[in-house]
Amino acid sequence: MGIKAKADVDLGESAHHLAERAIEEGRTFKLGPLDPRSRRIVHLTLKEVDGVVTKSEGEGVFRRVCIIPRDADGASHDDSGDDQDDRD
């Protein structure tokens, strides 16, 4: 496995771990600034995970992914008040 592939796997595992915590704790987790490729990996990794939604926020090199828990009725607990699912 190459270095990039290993980094992708590690990022996906970290995203899954934070998604589980978001669901358990009922709070939003904001990742540090990520490049577009890494943000896309997080969005795609968590796309099929029940109980969370992802969105990107910020500008340029400061753009980051938020992992937001959902209620049983599907509403997200987004602190910003914007329930949009903004995928890169």
N, C-alpha and C. Protein backbone atom coordinates (compact mmCIF):
# COMPACT_ATOMS: atom_id res chain seq x y z
N MET A 1 0.85 -1.17 0.00
CA MET A 1 0.00 0.00 0.00
C MET A 1 0.90 1.23 0.00
N GLY A 2 0.58 2.17 -0.90
CA GLY A 2 1.37 3.38 -1.00
C GLY A 2 1.08 4.36 0.13
N ILE A 3 1.89 5.39 0.19
CA ILE A 3 1.76 6.39 1.25
C ILE A 3 0.41 7.10 1.17
N LYS A 4 0.00 7.50 -0.05
CA LYS A 4 -1.29 8.19 -0.20
C LYS A 4 -2.45 7.28 0.18
N ALA A 5 -2.38 6.03 -0.25
CA ALA A 5 -3.45 5.08 0.07
C ALA A 5 -3.55 4.87 1.57
N LYS A 6 -2.42 4.76 2.24
CA LYS A 6 -2.40 4.58 3.69
C LYS A 6 -2.98 5.82 4.38
N ALA A 7 -2.63 7.00 3.90
CA ALA A 7 -3.16 8.24 4.47
C ALA A 7 -4.68 8.31 4.28
N ASP A 8 -5.17 7.86 3.11
CA ASP A 8 -6.61 7.84 2.85
C ASP A 8 -7.33 6.91 3.82
N VAL A 9 -6.76 5.74 4.05
CA VAL A 9 -7.35 4.78 4.99
C VAL A 9 -7.37 5.37 6.40
N ASP A 10 -6.26 5.97 6.81
CA ASP A 10 -6.18 6.58 8.14
C ASP A 10 -7.21 7.70 8.30
N LEU A 11 -7.36 8.53 7.27
CA LEU A 11 -8.33 9.62 7.31
C LEU A 11 -9.74 9.07 7.40
N GLY A 12 -10.04 8.03 6.63
CA GLY A 12 -11.36 7.40 6.68
C GLY A 12 -11.66 6.82 8.05
N GLU A 13 -10.66 6.17 8.65
CA GLU A 13 -10.85 5.59 9.99
C GLU A 13 -11.08 6.69 11.03
N SER A 14 -10.34 7.77 10.92
CA SER A 14 -10.53 8.90 11.85
C SER A 14 -11.92 9.51 11.68
N ALA A 15 -12.36 9.64 10.43
CA ALA A 15 -13.69 10.19 10.16
C ALA A 15 -14.78 9.30 10.76
N HIS A 16 -14.64 7.97 10.60
CA HIS A 16 -15.61 7.04 11.19
C HIS A 16 -15.64 7.16 12.71
N HIS A 17 -14.47 7.27 13.31
CA HIS A 17 -14.39 7.40 14.77
C HIS A 17 -15.10 8.67 15.24
N LEU A 18 -14.85 9.78 14.55
CA LEU A 18 -15.50 11.04 14.93
C LEU A 18 -17.00 11.00 14.67
N ALA A 19 -17.42 10.29 13.62
CA ALA A 19 -18.86 10.14 13.35
C ALA A 19 -19.53 9.39 14.49
N GLU A 20 -18.89 8.34 14.97
CA GLU A 20 -19.43 7.58 16.10
C GLU A 20 -19.55 8.47 17.33
N ARG A 21 -18.53 9.26 17.58
CA ARG A 21 -18.56 10.17 18.74
C ARG A 21 -19.65 11.23 18.58
N ALA A 22 -19.81 11.75 17.35
CA ALA A 22 -20.84 12.76 17.10
C ALA A 22 -22.22 12.19 17.41
N ILE A 23 -22.45 10.94 17.01
CA ILE A 23 -23.73 10.29 17.28
C ILE A 23 -23.91 10.07 18.78
N GLU A 24 -22.90 9.51 19.42
CA GLU A 24 -22.98 9.19 20.86
C GLU A 24 -23.13 10.44 21.72
N GLU A 25 -22.38 11.49 21.39
CA GLU A 25 -22.36 12.69 22.22
C GLU A 25 -23.36 13.74 21.77
N GLY A 26 -23.92 13.56 20.57
CA GLY A 26 -24.91 14.50 20.06
C GLY A 26 -24.35 15.88 19.79
N ARG A 27 -23.08 15.93 19.35
CA ARG A 27 -22.48 17.23 19.06
C ARG A 27 -21.71 17.20 17.75
N THR A 28 -21.50 18.37 17.19
CA THR A 28 -20.78 18.53 15.93
C THR A 28 -19.28 18.50 16.17
N PHE A 29 -18.57 17.80 15.29
CA PHE A 29 -17.11 17.80 15.31
C PHE A 29 -16.62 18.50 14.06
N LYS A 30 -15.68 19.43 14.23
CA LYS A 30 -15.09 20.16 13.11
C LYS A 30 -13.65 19.70 12.95
N LEU A 31 -13.33 19.17 11.78
CA LEU A 31 -11.97 18.75 11.50
C LEU A 31 -11.11 19.97 11.22
N GLY A 32 -9.82 19.81 11.32
CA GLY A 32 -8.91 20.89 10.98
C GLY A 32 -8.97 21.17 9.48
N PRO A 33 -8.39 22.27 9.04
CA PRO A 33 -8.38 22.58 7.61
C PRO A 33 -7.81 21.42 6.79
N LEU A 34 -8.51 21.10 5.69
CA LEU A 34 -8.11 19.99 4.82
C LEU A 34 -8.07 20.46 3.37
N ASP A 35 -7.21 19.83 2.59
CA ASP A 35 -7.18 20.11 1.16
C ASP A 35 -8.43 19.49 0.52
N PRO A 36 -8.78 19.91 -0.71
CA PRO A 36 -10.01 19.42 -1.35
C PRO A 36 -10.09 17.89 -1.44
N ARG A 37 -9.00 17.24 -1.76
CA ARG A 37 -8.99 15.77 -1.89
C ARG A 37 -9.35 15.11 -0.56
N SER A 38 -8.78 15.59 0.51
CA SER A 38 -9.04 15.02 1.83
C SER A 38 -10.48 15.29 2.27
N ARG A 39 -10.99 16.50 2.00
CA ARG A 39 -12.39 16.78 2.33
C ARG A 39 -13.32 15.84 1.59
N ARG A 40 -13.02 15.60 0.34
CA ARG A 40 -13.85 14.70 -0.47
C ARG A 40 -13.84 13.28 0.12
N ILE A 41 -12.68 12.82 0.55
CA ILE A 41 -12.58 11.49 1.15
C ILE A 41 -13.47 11.40 2.39
N VAL A 42 -13.44 12.42 3.23
CA VAL A 42 -14.28 12.41 4.43
C VAL A 42 -15.76 12.39 4.05
N HIS A 43 -16.16 13.27 3.12
CA HIS A 43 -17.57 13.30 2.70
C HIS A 43 -18.01 11.95 2.15
N LEU A 44 -17.21 11.36 1.27
CA LEU A 44 -17.58 10.07 0.66
C LEU A 44 -17.57 8.94 1.68
N THR A 45 -16.62 8.96 2.60
CA THR A 45 -16.53 7.92 3.62
C THR A 45 -17.77 7.92 4.51
N LEU A 46 -18.26 9.10 4.86
CA LEU A 46 -19.38 9.20 5.80
C LEU A 46 -20.74 9.34 5.13
N LYS A 47 -20.75 9.34 3.80
CA LYS A 47 -22.00 9.52 3.06
C LYS A 47 -23.06 8.50 3.46
N GLU A 48 -22.68 7.26 3.65
CA GLU A 48 -23.64 6.19 3.94
C GLU A 48 -23.77 5.88 5.44
N VAL A 49 -23.14 6.67 6.28
CA VAL A 49 -23.22 6.43 7.72
C VAL A 49 -24.53 7.04 8.24
N ASP A 50 -25.39 6.18 8.79
CA ASP A 50 -26.64 6.66 9.38
C ASP A 50 -26.32 7.47 10.63
N GLY A 51 -27.03 8.54 10.81
CA GLY A 51 -26.88 9.31 12.04
C GLY A 51 -26.00 10.54 11.94
N VAL A 52 -25.32 10.74 10.81
CA VAL A 52 -24.51 11.95 10.64
C VAL A 52 -24.67 12.51 9.23
N VAL A 53 -24.38 13.78 9.12
CA VAL A 53 -24.31 14.47 7.84
C VAL A 53 -23.01 15.28 7.87
N THR A 54 -22.41 15.49 6.72
CA THR A 54 -21.18 16.29 6.66
C THR A 54 -21.43 17.55 5.84
N LYS A 55 -20.67 18.57 6.15
CA LYS A 55 -20.69 19.78 5.33
C LYS A 55 -19.33 20.45 5.44
N SER A 56 -18.99 21.20 4.43
CA SER A 56 -17.75 21.97 4.45
C SER A 56 -18.07 23.41 4.81
N GLU A 57 -17.14 24.04 5.52
CA GLU A 57 -17.29 25.45 5.85
C GLU A 57 -15.92 26.11 5.80
N GLY A 58 -15.93 27.41 5.63
CA GLY A 58 -14.68 28.15 5.57
C GLY A 58 -14.30 28.48 4.14
N GLU A 59 -13.18 29.15 4.01
CA GLU A 59 -12.70 29.61 2.71
C GLU A 59 -11.27 29.17 2.48
N GLY A 60 -10.96 28.87 1.24
CA GLY A 60 -9.59 28.58 0.83
C GLY A 60 -8.89 27.52 1.66
N VAL A 61 -7.67 27.83 2.09
CA VAL A 61 -6.87 26.86 2.85
C VAL A 61 -7.44 26.60 4.24
N PHE A 62 -8.42 27.40 4.66
CA PHE A 62 -9.03 27.22 5.98
C PHE A 62 -10.33 26.41 5.91
N ARG A 63 -10.66 25.88 4.72
CA ARG A 63 -11.90 25.12 4.56
C ARG A 63 -11.79 23.80 5.33
N ARG A 64 -12.85 23.46 6.05
CA ARG A 64 -12.84 22.26 6.90
C ARG A 64 -14.15 21.51 6.77
N VAL A 65 -14.19 20.29 7.26
CA VAL A 65 -15.39 19.46 7.24
C VAL A 65 -15.98 19.42 8.64
N CYS A 66 -17.30 19.56 8.71
CA CYS A 66 -18.05 19.41 9.96
C CYS A 66 -18.80 18.08 9.90
N ILE A 67 -18.74 17.32 10.97
CA ILE A 67 -19.47 16.06 11.08
C ILE A 67 -20.59 16.33 12.08
N ILE A 68 -21.83 16.30 11.58
CA ILE A 68 -22.99 16.77 12.34
C ILE A 68 -23.93 15.60 12.62
N PRO A 69 -24.28 15.37 13.89
CA PRO A 69 -25.22 14.28 14.21
C PRO A 69 -26.64 14.63 13.77
N ARG A 70 -27.42 13.60 13.47
CA ARG A 70 -28.83 13.78 13.11
C ARG A 70 -29.71 13.23 14.22
N ASP A 71 -30.90 13.83 14.38
CA ASP A 71 -31.92 13.27 15.26
C ASP A 71 -32.52 12.04 14.60
N ALA A 72 -33.35 11.32 15.34
CA ALA A 72 -34.05 10.17 14.78
C ALA A 72 -34.96 10.59 13.63
N ASP A 73 -35.45 11.85 13.65
CA ASP A 73 -36.31 12.33 12.57
C ASP A 73 -35.52 12.87 11.39
N GLY A 74 -34.20 12.81 11.46
CA GLY A 74 -33.37 13.22 10.33
C GLY A 74 -32.85 14.64 10.41
N ALA A 75 -33.29 15.42 11.39
CA ALA A 75 -32.80 16.79 11.52
C ALA A 75 -31.38 16.78 12.06
N SER A 76 -30.54 17.67 11.54
CA SER A 76 -29.15 17.72 12.01
C SER A 76 -29.02 18.70 13.16
N HIS A 77 -28.00 18.50 13.98
CA HIS A 77 -27.69 19.37 15.12
C HIS A 77 -26.60 20.35 14.73
N ASP A 78 -26.76 21.04 13.64
CA ASP A 78 -25.73 21.96 13.17
C ASP A 78 -25.77 23.25 13.98
N ASP A 79 -24.67 23.59 14.60
CA ASP A 79 -24.60 24.79 15.43
C ASP A 79 -24.75 26.07 14.64
N SER A 80 -24.48 26.04 13.33
CA SER A 80 -24.54 27.26 12.52
C SER A 80 -25.95 27.59 12.08
N GLY A 81 -26.90 26.68 12.27
CA GLY A 81 -28.27 26.91 11.84
C GLY A 81 -28.51 26.60 10.39
N ASP A 82 -27.51 26.12 9.68
CA ASP A 82 -27.61 25.79 8.26
C ASP A 82 -27.59 24.28 8.11
N ASP A 83 -28.73 23.68 7.74
CA ASP A 83 -28.81 22.23 7.62
C ASP A 83 -28.40 21.72 6.25
N GLN A 84 -27.79 22.56 5.44
CA GLN A 84 -27.35 22.15 4.12
C GLN A 84 -26.26 21.10 4.21
N ASP A 85 -26.25 20.20 3.26
CA ASP A 85 -25.22 19.17 3.17
C ASP A 85 -24.31 19.57 2.02
N ASP A 86 -23.33 20.44 2.29
CA ASP A 86 -22.47 21.01 1.25
C ASP A 86 -21.28 20.12 1.00
N ARG A 87 -21.38 19.27 0.03
CA ARG A 87 -20.28 18.35 -0.29
C ARG A 87 -19.39 18.99 -1.34
N ASP A 88 -18.09 18.75 -1.24
CA ASP A 88 -17.13 19.27 -2.24
C ASP A 88 -17.15 18.39 -3.45
